[in-house]
């Protein structure tokens, strides 16, 4: 338990320091907005195929493509991965079925 506690404590300390603008050991990942329609075109899928392959509702995908909404959180991470390594993501999602 003490190892887990120390790890959590270190993470919280780094997060607080980062939030205060202090230099920290924390690794911060930032993802820039994507052109979701271009990512889908790059993969060569229809909206229905893309939504089904990556677990996104077609309605949400359409909103992203029109710019009504923007993907955030895990969806943004997934789309960045798809943009960079679509075959690897598809392979990972299809394994074990």
N, C-alpha and C. Protein backbone atom coordinates (compact mmCIF):
# COMPACT_ATOMS: atom_id res chain seq x y z
N UNK A 1 0.81 -1.20 0.00
CA UNK A 1 0.00 0.00 0.00
C UNK A 1 0.85 1.26 0.00
N UNK A 2 1.99 1.24 0.68
CA UNK A 2 2.79 2.45 0.76
C UNK A 2 3.36 2.84 -0.59
N UNK A 3 3.66 1.85 -1.45
CA UNK A 3 4.16 2.17 -2.79
C UNK A 3 3.08 2.85 -3.60
N UNK A 4 1.86 2.35 -3.52
CA UNK A 4 0.74 2.97 -4.23
C UNK A 4 0.49 4.37 -3.71
N UNK A 5 0.53 4.53 -2.40
CA UNK A 5 0.32 5.85 -1.81
C UNK A 5 1.38 6.83 -2.29
N UNK A 6 2.63 6.41 -2.27
CA UNK A 6 3.72 7.30 -2.70
C UNK A 6 3.56 7.70 -4.17
N UNK A 7 3.14 6.76 -5.00
CA UNK A 7 2.94 7.05 -6.41
C UNK A 7 1.81 8.06 -6.61
N UNK A 8 0.71 7.85 -5.90
CA UNK A 8 -0.42 8.79 -5.98
C UNK A 8 -0.02 10.16 -5.46
N UNK A 9 0.70 10.17 -4.35
CA UNK A 9 1.15 11.44 -3.77
C UNK A 9 2.05 12.20 -4.74
N UNK A 10 2.97 11.48 -5.38
CA UNK A 10 3.87 12.12 -6.34
C UNK A 10 3.08 12.69 -7.50
N UNK A 11 2.10 11.91 -8.01
CA UNK A 11 1.28 12.38 -9.12
C UNK A 11 0.49 13.63 -8.77
N UNK A 12 -0.07 13.65 -7.58
CA UNK A 12 -0.83 14.83 -7.15
C UNK A 12 0.07 16.05 -6.97
N UNK A 13 1.24 15.82 -6.42
CA UNK A 13 2.20 16.91 -6.24
C UNK A 13 2.59 17.50 -7.60
N UNK A 14 2.87 16.62 -8.57
CA UNK A 14 3.23 17.09 -9.91
C UNK A 14 2.07 17.84 -10.56
N UNK A 15 0.86 17.35 -10.37
CA UNK A 15 -0.31 18.00 -10.96
C UNK A 15 -0.50 19.40 -10.37
N UNK A 16 -0.34 19.52 -9.06
CA UNK A 16 -0.48 20.82 -8.40
C UNK A 16 0.60 21.78 -8.88
N UNK A 17 1.84 21.30 -8.96
CA UNK A 17 2.93 22.15 -9.44
C UNK A 17 2.68 22.60 -10.88
N UNK A 18 2.20 21.69 -11.71
CA UNK A 18 1.91 22.04 -13.10
C UNK A 18 0.82 23.10 -13.16
N UNK A 19 -0.23 22.92 -12.37
CA UNK A 19 -1.35 23.87 -12.36
C UNK A 19 -0.89 25.25 -11.88
N UNK A 20 0.12 25.29 -11.02
CA UNK A 20 0.64 26.56 -10.51
C UNK A 20 1.69 27.16 -11.44
N UNK A 21 2.00 26.47 -12.53
CA UNK A 21 2.97 26.98 -13.49
C UNK A 21 4.42 26.73 -13.10
N UNK A 22 4.64 25.88 -12.14
CA UNK A 22 5.99 25.57 -11.70
C UNK A 22 6.58 24.47 -12.57
N UNK A 23 7.91 24.47 -12.73
CA UNK A 23 8.53 23.36 -13.47
C UNK A 23 8.24 22.05 -12.74
N UNK A 24 7.97 21.00 -13.52
CA UNK A 24 7.59 19.73 -12.91
C UNK A 24 8.09 18.57 -13.76
N UNK A 25 8.06 17.40 -13.18
CA UNK A 25 8.43 16.18 -13.90
C UNK A 25 7.25 15.61 -14.68
N UNK A 26 6.08 16.19 -14.49
CA UNK A 26 4.87 15.66 -15.12
C UNK A 26 4.98 15.68 -16.64
N UNK A 27 4.47 14.63 -17.26
CA UNK A 27 4.39 14.55 -18.71
C UNK A 27 2.99 14.98 -19.11
N UNK A 28 2.90 16.01 -19.93
CA UNK A 28 1.61 16.54 -20.34
C UNK A 28 1.43 16.31 -21.83
N UNK A 29 0.36 15.62 -22.18
CA UNK A 29 0.06 15.35 -23.58
C UNK A 29 -1.02 16.32 -24.03
N UNK A 30 -0.76 17.00 -25.13
CA UNK A 30 -1.77 17.90 -25.67
C UNK A 30 -2.12 17.44 -27.09
N UNK A 31 -3.37 17.55 -27.42
CA UNK A 31 -3.82 17.15 -28.74
C UNK A 31 -4.51 18.33 -29.40
N UNK A 32 -4.09 18.61 -30.61
CA UNK A 32 -4.69 19.73 -31.32
C UNK A 32 -5.98 19.27 -32.00
N UNK A 33 -6.87 20.21 -32.27
CA UNK A 33 -8.11 19.86 -32.96
C UNK A 33 -7.82 19.21 -34.32
N UNK A 34 -8.69 18.34 -34.73
CA UNK A 34 -8.51 17.63 -35.99
C UNK A 34 -9.63 17.95 -36.96
N UNK A 35 -9.34 17.79 -38.24
CA UNK A 35 -10.37 17.81 -39.26
C UNK A 35 -10.88 16.38 -39.36
N UNK A 36 -11.96 16.10 -38.65
CA UNK A 36 -12.46 14.73 -38.54
C UNK A 36 -12.84 14.16 -39.91
N UNK A 37 -13.41 15.00 -40.75
CA UNK A 37 -13.79 14.53 -42.09
C UNK A 37 -12.56 14.12 -42.88
N UNK A 38 -11.48 14.86 -42.75
CA UNK A 38 -10.23 14.51 -43.45
C UNK A 38 -9.64 13.21 -42.91
N UNK A 39 -9.74 13.01 -41.61
CA UNK A 39 -9.25 11.75 -41.02
C UNK A 39 -10.05 10.58 -41.58
N UNK A 40 -11.37 10.73 -41.62
CA UNK A 40 -12.22 9.66 -42.16
C UNK A 40 -11.91 9.41 -43.63
N UNK A 41 -11.71 10.48 -44.41
CA UNK A 41 -11.37 10.33 -45.82
C UNK A 41 -10.03 9.63 -45.99
N UNK A 42 -9.08 9.95 -45.13
CA UNK A 42 -7.75 9.32 -45.18
C UNK A 42 -7.86 7.81 -44.97
N UNK A 43 -8.78 7.40 -44.09
CA UNK A 43 -8.98 5.99 -43.82
C UNK A 43 -9.79 5.33 -44.93
N UNK A 44 -10.53 6.14 -45.69
CA UNK A 44 -11.29 5.62 -46.82
C UNK A 44 -12.57 4.92 -46.43
N UNK A 45 -13.25 5.44 -45.43
CA UNK A 45 -14.49 4.83 -44.96
C UNK A 45 -15.65 5.81 -45.09
N UNK A 46 -16.84 5.24 -45.23
CA UNK A 46 -18.05 6.07 -45.17
C UNK A 46 -18.27 6.48 -43.72
N UNK A 47 -19.20 7.40 -43.51
CA UNK A 47 -19.50 7.80 -42.14
C UNK A 47 -19.97 6.61 -41.31
N UNK A 48 -20.82 5.78 -41.88
CA UNK A 48 -21.35 4.63 -41.17
C UNK A 48 -20.24 3.64 -40.83
N UNK A 49 -19.37 3.37 -41.78
CA UNK A 49 -18.26 2.43 -41.54
C UNK A 49 -17.31 2.96 -40.47
N UNK A 50 -16.97 4.24 -40.58
CA UNK A 50 -16.04 4.86 -39.63
C UNK A 50 -16.62 4.84 -38.22
N UNK A 51 -17.87 5.25 -38.11
CA UNK A 51 -18.53 5.28 -36.80
C UNK A 51 -18.58 3.89 -36.19
N UNK A 52 -18.93 2.91 -36.98
CA UNK A 52 -19.01 1.54 -36.49
C UNK A 52 -17.64 1.00 -36.09
N UNK A 53 -16.63 1.26 -36.90
CA UNK A 53 -15.29 0.73 -36.64
C UNK A 53 -14.69 1.29 -35.36
N UNK A 54 -15.00 2.54 -35.03
CA UNK A 54 -14.35 3.19 -33.89
C UNK A 54 -15.30 3.47 -32.72
N UNK A 55 -16.51 2.90 -32.77
CA UNK A 55 -17.42 3.01 -31.64
C UNK A 55 -17.98 4.40 -31.41
N UNK A 56 -18.24 5.10 -32.50
CA UNK A 56 -18.78 6.46 -32.44
C UNK A 56 -20.17 6.43 -33.06
N UNK A 57 -21.09 7.17 -32.50
CA UNK A 57 -22.41 7.22 -33.14
C UNK A 57 -22.30 8.04 -34.43
N UNK A 58 -23.10 7.67 -35.42
CA UNK A 58 -23.07 8.39 -36.70
C UNK A 58 -23.46 9.85 -36.48
N UNK A 59 -24.41 10.10 -35.60
CA UNK A 59 -24.84 11.47 -35.31
C UNK A 59 -23.70 12.31 -34.75
N UNK A 60 -22.96 11.73 -33.82
CA UNK A 60 -21.82 12.45 -33.23
C UNK A 60 -20.77 12.73 -34.31
N UNK A 61 -20.49 11.73 -35.12
CA UNK A 61 -19.51 11.91 -36.20
C UNK A 61 -19.93 13.03 -37.13
N UNK A 62 -21.20 13.08 -37.47
CA UNK A 62 -21.70 14.15 -38.36
C UNK A 62 -21.54 15.52 -37.71
N UNK A 63 -21.83 15.62 -36.43
CA UNK A 63 -21.64 16.89 -35.72
C UNK A 63 -20.18 17.32 -35.76
N UNK A 64 -19.27 16.37 -35.55
CA UNK A 64 -17.84 16.70 -35.59
C UNK A 64 -17.44 17.17 -36.98
N UNK A 65 -17.92 16.47 -37.99
CA UNK A 65 -17.54 16.82 -39.37
C UNK A 65 -18.09 18.18 -39.78
N UNK A 66 -19.26 18.53 -39.30
CA UNK A 66 -19.85 19.85 -39.62
C UNK A 66 -19.24 20.96 -38.79
N UNK A 67 -18.61 20.59 -37.69
CA UNK A 67 -18.03 21.60 -36.81
C UNK A 67 -18.98 22.09 -35.74
N UNK A 68 -20.16 21.46 -35.63
CA UNK A 68 -21.11 21.83 -34.58
C UNK A 68 -20.55 21.51 -33.20
N UNK A 69 -19.80 20.43 -33.13
CA UNK A 69 -19.17 19.98 -31.89
C UNK A 69 -17.74 19.57 -32.19
N UNK A 70 -16.96 19.49 -31.14
CA UNK A 70 -15.58 19.04 -31.32
C UNK A 70 -15.32 17.86 -30.39
N UNK A 71 -14.57 16.88 -30.88
CA UNK A 71 -14.25 15.75 -30.02
C UNK A 71 -13.34 16.18 -28.88
N UNK A 72 -13.55 15.57 -27.72
CA UNK A 72 -12.72 15.87 -26.55
C UNK A 72 -12.37 14.58 -25.84
N UNK A 73 -11.45 14.69 -24.94
CA UNK A 73 -11.09 13.56 -24.08
C UNK A 73 -10.66 12.33 -24.86
N UNK A 74 -11.14 11.15 -24.47
CA UNK A 74 -10.74 9.91 -25.12
C UNK A 74 -11.04 9.88 -26.62
N UNK A 75 -12.14 10.51 -27.04
CA UNK A 75 -12.48 10.55 -28.46
C UNK A 75 -11.41 11.30 -29.25
N UNK A 76 -10.91 12.39 -28.70
CA UNK A 76 -9.86 13.16 -29.37
C UNK A 76 -8.57 12.36 -29.44
N UNK A 77 -8.26 11.65 -28.38
CA UNK A 77 -7.07 10.80 -28.37
C UNK A 77 -7.21 9.72 -29.45
N UNK A 78 -8.36 9.06 -29.49
CA UNK A 78 -8.59 8.01 -30.49
C UNK A 78 -8.45 8.56 -31.90
N UNK A 79 -9.05 9.71 -32.17
CA UNK A 79 -8.99 10.28 -33.51
C UNK A 79 -7.56 10.67 -33.89
N UNK A 80 -6.79 11.15 -32.93
CA UNK A 80 -5.38 11.45 -33.21
C UNK A 80 -4.61 10.18 -33.55
N UNK A 81 -4.91 9.09 -32.84
CA UNK A 81 -4.27 7.82 -33.16
C UNK A 81 -4.68 7.32 -34.54
N UNK A 82 -5.96 7.44 -34.85
CA UNK A 82 -6.45 7.02 -36.16
C UNK A 82 -5.78 7.84 -37.26
N UNK A 83 -5.62 9.13 -37.02
CA UNK A 83 -4.99 10.01 -38.01
C UNK A 83 -3.53 9.60 -38.27
N UNK A 84 -2.84 9.14 -37.23
CA UNK A 84 -1.42 8.80 -37.36
C UNK A 84 -1.17 7.35 -37.73
N UNK A 85 -1.95 6.44 -37.17
CA UNK A 85 -1.73 5.00 -37.38
C UNK A 85 -3.05 4.26 -37.55
N UNK A 86 -3.79 4.55 -38.62
CA UNK A 86 -5.12 3.94 -38.76
C UNK A 86 -5.08 2.41 -38.80
N UNK A 87 -4.12 1.84 -39.49
CA UNK A 87 -4.06 0.38 -39.60
C UNK A 87 -3.79 -0.27 -38.24
N UNK A 88 -2.91 0.34 -37.47
CA UNK A 88 -2.60 -0.20 -36.14
C UNK A 88 -3.82 -0.15 -35.23
N UNK A 89 -4.57 0.95 -35.29
CA UNK A 89 -5.76 1.08 -34.45
C UNK A 89 -6.81 0.06 -34.87
N UNK A 90 -7.02 -0.08 -36.17
CA UNK A 90 -7.99 -1.07 -36.66
C UNK A 90 -7.58 -2.48 -36.27
N UNK A 91 -6.29 -2.77 -36.37
CA UNK A 91 -5.79 -4.09 -35.97
C UNK A 91 -6.04 -4.33 -34.49
N UNK A 92 -5.75 -3.33 -33.66
CA UNK A 92 -5.93 -3.46 -32.21
C UNK A 92 -7.40 -3.65 -31.86
N UNK A 93 -8.28 -2.93 -32.55
CA UNK A 93 -9.70 -3.03 -32.25
C UNK A 93 -10.30 -4.34 -32.73
N UNK A 94 -9.72 -4.93 -33.76
CA UNK A 94 -10.30 -6.17 -34.32
C UNK A 94 -9.70 -7.42 -33.69
N UNK A 95 -8.59 -7.32 -32.97
CA UNK A 95 -7.97 -8.51 -32.39
C UNK A 95 -8.84 -9.07 -31.27
N UNK A 96 -8.87 -10.37 -31.21
CA UNK A 96 -9.62 -11.03 -30.16
C UNK A 96 -11.08 -11.27 -30.51
N UNK A 97 -11.47 -10.98 -31.72
CA UNK A 97 -12.86 -11.24 -32.11
C UNK A 97 -12.96 -12.49 -32.93
